[in-house]
Protein backbone atom coordinates (compact mmCIF):
# COMPACT_ATOMS: atom_id res chain seq x y z
CA MET A 1 14.13 -2.89 -6.13
CA SER A 2 15.90 -0.07 -7.81
CA PRO A 3 14.55 3.55 -7.69
CA ASP A 4 13.95 3.35 -11.50
CA ARG A 5 11.77 0.24 -10.99
CA TYR A 6 9.70 2.13 -8.40
CA ARG A 7 9.32 5.01 -10.74
CA ALA A 8 8.33 2.91 -13.67
CA ALA A 9 5.72 1.03 -11.52
CA LEU A 10 4.33 4.34 -10.12
CA ALA A 11 4.19 5.86 -13.67
CA THR A 12 2.28 2.75 -14.97
CA SER A 13 -0.25 2.88 -12.16
CA LEU A 14 -0.81 6.57 -12.87
CA ASP A 15 -1.28 5.88 -16.56
CA ARG A 16 -4.21 3.59 -15.63
CA LEU A 17 -5.63 5.65 -12.78
CA ILE A 18 -5.96 8.89 -14.73
CA PRO A 19 -8.40 7.57 -17.24
CA LEU A 20 -10.45 5.89 -14.47
CA ALA A 21 -10.66 9.32 -12.74
CA CYS A 22 -12.17 10.65 -15.99
CA GLN A 23 -15.11 8.34 -15.96
CA PRO A 24 -18.73 9.57 -15.83
CA GLU A 25 -20.10 10.59 -12.46
CA LYS A 26 -22.38 7.53 -12.26
CA ILE A 27 -19.28 5.47 -12.09
CA LEU A 28 -17.30 7.86 -9.79
CA THR A 29 -20.17 7.62 -7.25
CA ARG A 30 -19.81 3.86 -7.01
CA SER A 31 -18.65 2.36 -3.70
CA VAL A 32 -15.14 0.89 -3.41
CA PRO A 33 -15.42 -2.60 -2.17
CA ALA A 34 -12.23 -2.71 -0.18
CA CYS A 35 -12.72 0.77 1.32
CA PRO A 36 -16.03 0.79 3.14
CA GLY A 37 -17.68 4.22 3.08
CA TRP A 38 -15.63 5.56 0.14
CA THR A 39 -16.92 6.21 -3.26
CA LEU A 40 -14.59 6.00 -6.29
CA ASP A 41 -14.41 9.77 -6.35
CA GLU A 42 -13.39 9.79 -2.67
CA LEU A 43 -10.77 7.22 -3.39
CA PHE A 44 -9.20 9.58 -5.92
CA GLY A 45 -9.51 12.39 -3.39
CA HIS A 46 -7.45 10.27 -0.96
CA LEU A 47 -4.84 9.74 -3.66
CA GLY A 48 -4.68 13.43 -4.47
CA SER A 49 -4.21 14.16 -0.80
CA ILE A 50 -1.52 11.68 -0.30
CA GLU A 51 0.37 12.83 -3.44
CA ARG A 52 0.38 16.54 -2.39
CA TRP A 53 1.44 15.54 1.12
CA ALA A 54 4.37 13.46 -0.36
CA VAL A 55 5.39 16.37 -2.60
CA GLU A 56 5.48 18.88 0.31
CA VAL A 57 7.47 16.36 2.49
CA LEU A 58 10.05 15.76 -0.18
CA LEU A 59 10.37 19.50 -0.99
CA GLU A 60 10.84 20.45 2.67
CA GLY A 61 12.45 17.28 4.02
CA LYS A 62 10.25 17.45 7.15
CA PRO A 63 6.80 16.37 8.30
CA ALA A 64 3.80 18.06 6.73
CA ASP A 65 0.05 18.05 7.11
CA LYS A 66 -2.06 16.12 4.52
CA PRO A 67 -4.35 18.53 2.65
CA ALA A 68 -8.03 17.79 2.70
CA PRO A 69 -9.57 16.77 -0.55
CA PRO A 70 -12.52 18.75 -1.91
CA THR A 71 -15.92 17.50 -1.02
CA THR A 72 -16.90 17.36 -4.74
CA GLY A 73 -14.83 16.93 -7.85
CA ALA A 74 -12.08 15.00 -5.97
CA ALA A 75 -11.20 12.97 -9.08
CA ALA A 76 -10.52 16.20 -11.11
CA TRP A 77 -8.51 17.47 -8.21
CA PHE A 78 -6.49 14.27 -8.26
CA ILE A 79 -5.80 14.71 -11.95
CA ASP A 80 -4.72 18.31 -11.56
CA GLY A 81 -1.95 17.28 -9.16
CA THR A 82 -0.51 14.20 -10.93
CA ASN A 83 2.07 16.04 -13.11
CA THR A 84 3.55 17.87 -10.21
CA PHE A 85 3.51 14.65 -8.15
CA LEU A 86 5.17 12.45 -10.81
CA GLY A 87 7.73 15.21 -11.60
CA THR A 88 8.80 15.42 -7.94
CA MET A 89 9.10 11.63 -7.75
CA THR A 90 11.14 11.47 -10.88
CA ALA A 91 13.50 14.33 -9.77
CA LEU A 92 14.12 13.18 -6.20
CA THR A 93 17.54 11.90 -5.11
CA PRO A 94 16.87 8.56 -3.28
CA GLU A 95 19.83 8.97 -0.87
CA ALA A 96 18.93 12.59 0.13
CA GLN A 97 17.99 12.99 3.83
CA CYS A 98 14.23 13.32 4.18
CA TRP A 99 11.69 12.67 6.83
CA ASN A 100 9.57 9.59 6.55
CA PHE A 101 7.67 7.30 8.86
CA GLY A 102 9.82 4.22 8.25
CA PRO A 103 12.85 2.94 9.96
CA PRO A 104 16.32 4.59 9.58
CA PRO A 105 17.89 5.71 7.31
CA ARG A 106 15.33 8.44 6.64
CA THR A 107 15.88 9.17 2.99
CA ALA A 108 13.80 10.30 -0.02
CA GLY A 109 13.93 6.87 -1.54
CA PHE A 110 11.27 5.64 1.08
CA TRP A 111 8.74 7.69 -0.76
CA LEU A 112 9.39 6.05 -4.11
CA ARG A 113 8.67 2.63 -2.59
CA ARG A 114 5.67 3.77 -0.49
CA GLN A 115 4.03 5.64 -3.35
CA ALA A 116 4.51 2.92 -5.85
CA HIS A 117 2.68 0.44 -3.61
CA GLU A 118 0.06 2.90 -2.57
CA HIS A 119 -0.97 3.59 -6.04
CA ALA A 120 -0.74 -0.06 -7.15
CA ILE A 121 -3.13 -1.12 -4.38
CA HIS A 122 -5.55 1.75 -5.01
CA LEU A 123 -5.44 0.94 -8.78
CA VAL A 124 -6.81 -2.50 -7.89
CA ASP A 125 -9.54 -0.72 -5.85
CA ALA A 126 -10.39 1.62 -8.72
CA CYS A 127 -10.56 -1.33 -11.12
CA GLN A 128 -12.87 -3.25 -8.86
CA ALA A 129 -15.15 -0.31 -8.40
CA SER A 130 -15.20 0.23 -12.20
CA ASP A 131 -15.96 -3.48 -12.94
CA LEU A 132 -12.62 -3.82 -14.77
CA GLU A 133 -9.94 -6.52 -14.57
CA ALA A 134 -7.36 -5.81 -11.84
CA PRO A 135 -3.74 -5.16 -13.12
CA ILE A 136 -1.21 -7.92 -13.47
CA LEU A 137 1.64 -6.85 -11.16
CA ASP A 138 5.26 -7.94 -11.63
CA GLU A 139 6.41 -10.75 -9.23
CA ASP A 140 9.43 -8.84 -7.80
CA PHE A 141 7.09 -5.77 -7.28
CA MET A 142 4.65 -7.85 -5.21
CA LEU A 143 7.45 -9.49 -3.27
CA ASP A 144 8.71 -6.06 -2.37
CA GLY A 145 5.24 -5.04 -1.36
CA ILE A 146 4.91 -7.99 1.02
CA ASP A 147 8.32 -7.03 2.46
CA GLU A 148 7.15 -3.54 3.04
CA VAL A 149 4.15 -4.59 4.95
CA LEU A 150 5.79 -7.21 7.09
CA SER A 151 9.16 -5.55 7.57
CA MET A 152 7.99 -1.80 7.90
CA PHE A 153 4.29 -1.46 8.48
CA THR A 154 3.49 -4.28 10.85
CA PRO A 155 6.52 -3.51 13.16
CA ARG A 156 5.31 0.12 13.17
CA GLN A 157 1.80 -0.98 14.01
CA LEU A 158 3.19 -2.97 16.94
CA ARG A 159 5.44 -0.08 18.15
CA GLN A 160 2.48 2.33 18.09
CA GLU A 161 0.35 -0.32 19.84
CA ARG A 162 -2.21 -0.31 17.07
CA MET A 163 -2.33 -4.13 17.20
CA PRO A 164 -1.85 -6.48 20.10
CA ARG A 165 1.76 -7.73 20.46
CA PRO A 166 1.74 -11.51 19.44
CA GLU A 167 2.54 -13.84 22.37
CA ALA A 168 4.73 -15.93 19.91
CA ALA A 169 5.84 -15.71 16.34
CA VAL A 170 4.05 -16.54 13.12
CA THR A 171 5.82 -17.09 9.73
CA PHE A 172 4.48 -15.78 6.50
CA ARG A 173 5.52 -17.83 3.40
CA VAL A 174 5.14 -17.41 -0.30
CA PRO A 175 6.22 -20.38 -2.42
CA GLY A 176 9.74 -20.00 -3.67
CA ALA A 177 10.38 -16.80 -1.82
CA THR A 178 11.81 -15.48 1.40
CA THR A 179 9.93 -15.99 4.57
CA TRP A 180 8.92 -13.37 7.00
CA LYS A 181 8.35 -13.57 10.75
CA ILE A 182 6.14 -11.52 13.08
CA GLY A 183 6.65 -11.82 16.79
CA GLN A 184 9.41 -13.11 19.05
CA GLY A 185 10.67 -16.66 19.60
CA PRO A 186 9.90 -19.93 17.68
CA SER A 187 7.09 -19.81 15.18
CA GLN A 188 3.93 -21.33 16.48
CA SER A 189 2.21 -21.21 13.09
CA SER A 190 2.69 -20.36 9.47
CA ILE A 191 0.61 -18.54 6.91
CA ASN A 192 1.17 -19.76 3.35
CA ALA A 193 -0.27 -18.23 0.22
CA PRO A 194 0.54 -17.63 -3.40
CA LEU A 195 2.35 -14.41 -4.23
CA GLN A 196 -0.55 -12.29 -5.50
CA GLU A 197 -2.93 -13.59 -2.81
CA MET A 198 -0.46 -12.76 -0.12
CA TYR A 199 0.32 -9.28 -1.51
CA LEU A 200 -3.40 -8.31 -1.80
CA GLY A 201 -4.31 -10.07 1.36
CA LEU A 202 -1.96 -8.24 3.53
CA TRP A 203 -3.77 -4.99 2.44
CA GLY A 204 -7.20 -6.53 2.93
CA ARG A 205 -7.90 -6.92 -0.73
CA SER A 206 -8.27 -10.74 -0.39
CA ASN A 207 -9.17 -12.72 2.69
CA LEU A 208 -6.10 -14.68 3.82
CA ALA A 209 -8.01 -16.03 6.83
CA ASP A 210 -10.24 -18.02 4.39
CA THR A 211 -7.79 -18.78 1.57
CA ALA A 212 -4.29 -19.09 3.00
CA ILE A 213 -2.95 -22.49 4.19
CA ILE A 214 -2.39 -22.15 7.84
CA GLU A 215 -0.24 -24.63 9.69
CA GLY A 216 0.34 -25.02 13.40
CA ASP A 217 -1.66 -22.93 15.87
CA VAL A 218 -4.53 -21.80 13.53
CA ALA A 219 -6.26 -19.61 16.11
CA PHE A 220 -3.07 -17.79 16.92
CA ALA A 221 -2.34 -17.17 13.24
CA LEU A 222 -5.87 -15.76 12.69
CA ARG A 223 -5.42 -13.46 15.66
CA VAL A 224 -2.22 -12.11 14.10
CA LEU A 225 -4.01 -11.74 10.74
CA GLN A 226 -6.66 -9.54 12.32
CA GLY A 227 -3.82 -7.15 13.18
CA PRO A 228 -4.35 -4.66 11.83
CA LEU A 229 -1.07 -5.33 10.02
CA THR A 230 -1.31 -2.07 8.20
CA PRO A 231 -2.74 1.41 9.10
């Protein structure tokens, strides 16, 4: 996807997130189903922290510490930072050298992709906590998000020994799309799911273990799905 597509997706998510952050306290104190232990206010605190961290990294070009969100009023704190965040994301040069936690080349464009998907997934969370319909995401955007998980995050999880290394390979398939393989050697099983289900499932927002069509060695595929495939 192009930098402008990521920017547009990010701006769209922020346009929907900001009104959700302005909801009454009785809604902001609701639990977020996909983030056990978090209230909706704490979810916005997480986003505010991530945004400020990304801004500092982009401005300095090197690693930075994530700021801690306030213990109260985190949703308002999130709103206070959105203009600076979006302005920084809009102004960055994608090819500029900048630290990130993905594979080389280490450029600023990494952060456009990462923040577009970070905000899309948490928009789904915020809608669920608010009893609202989840957003309808573009197909190319969801395919890109699946690729980010299976080509960047999961290999990173394996390198950092955050998940067991598969003893064989498993293939992830979306109808009509590219396939992805995790592990070495021939695939012992395949995990097949529609586009939106796969996108949300890789982030734990749907249960692929229950809903995906698994072929081959089912037990092995389920072990891989337990990952964790993402942080």
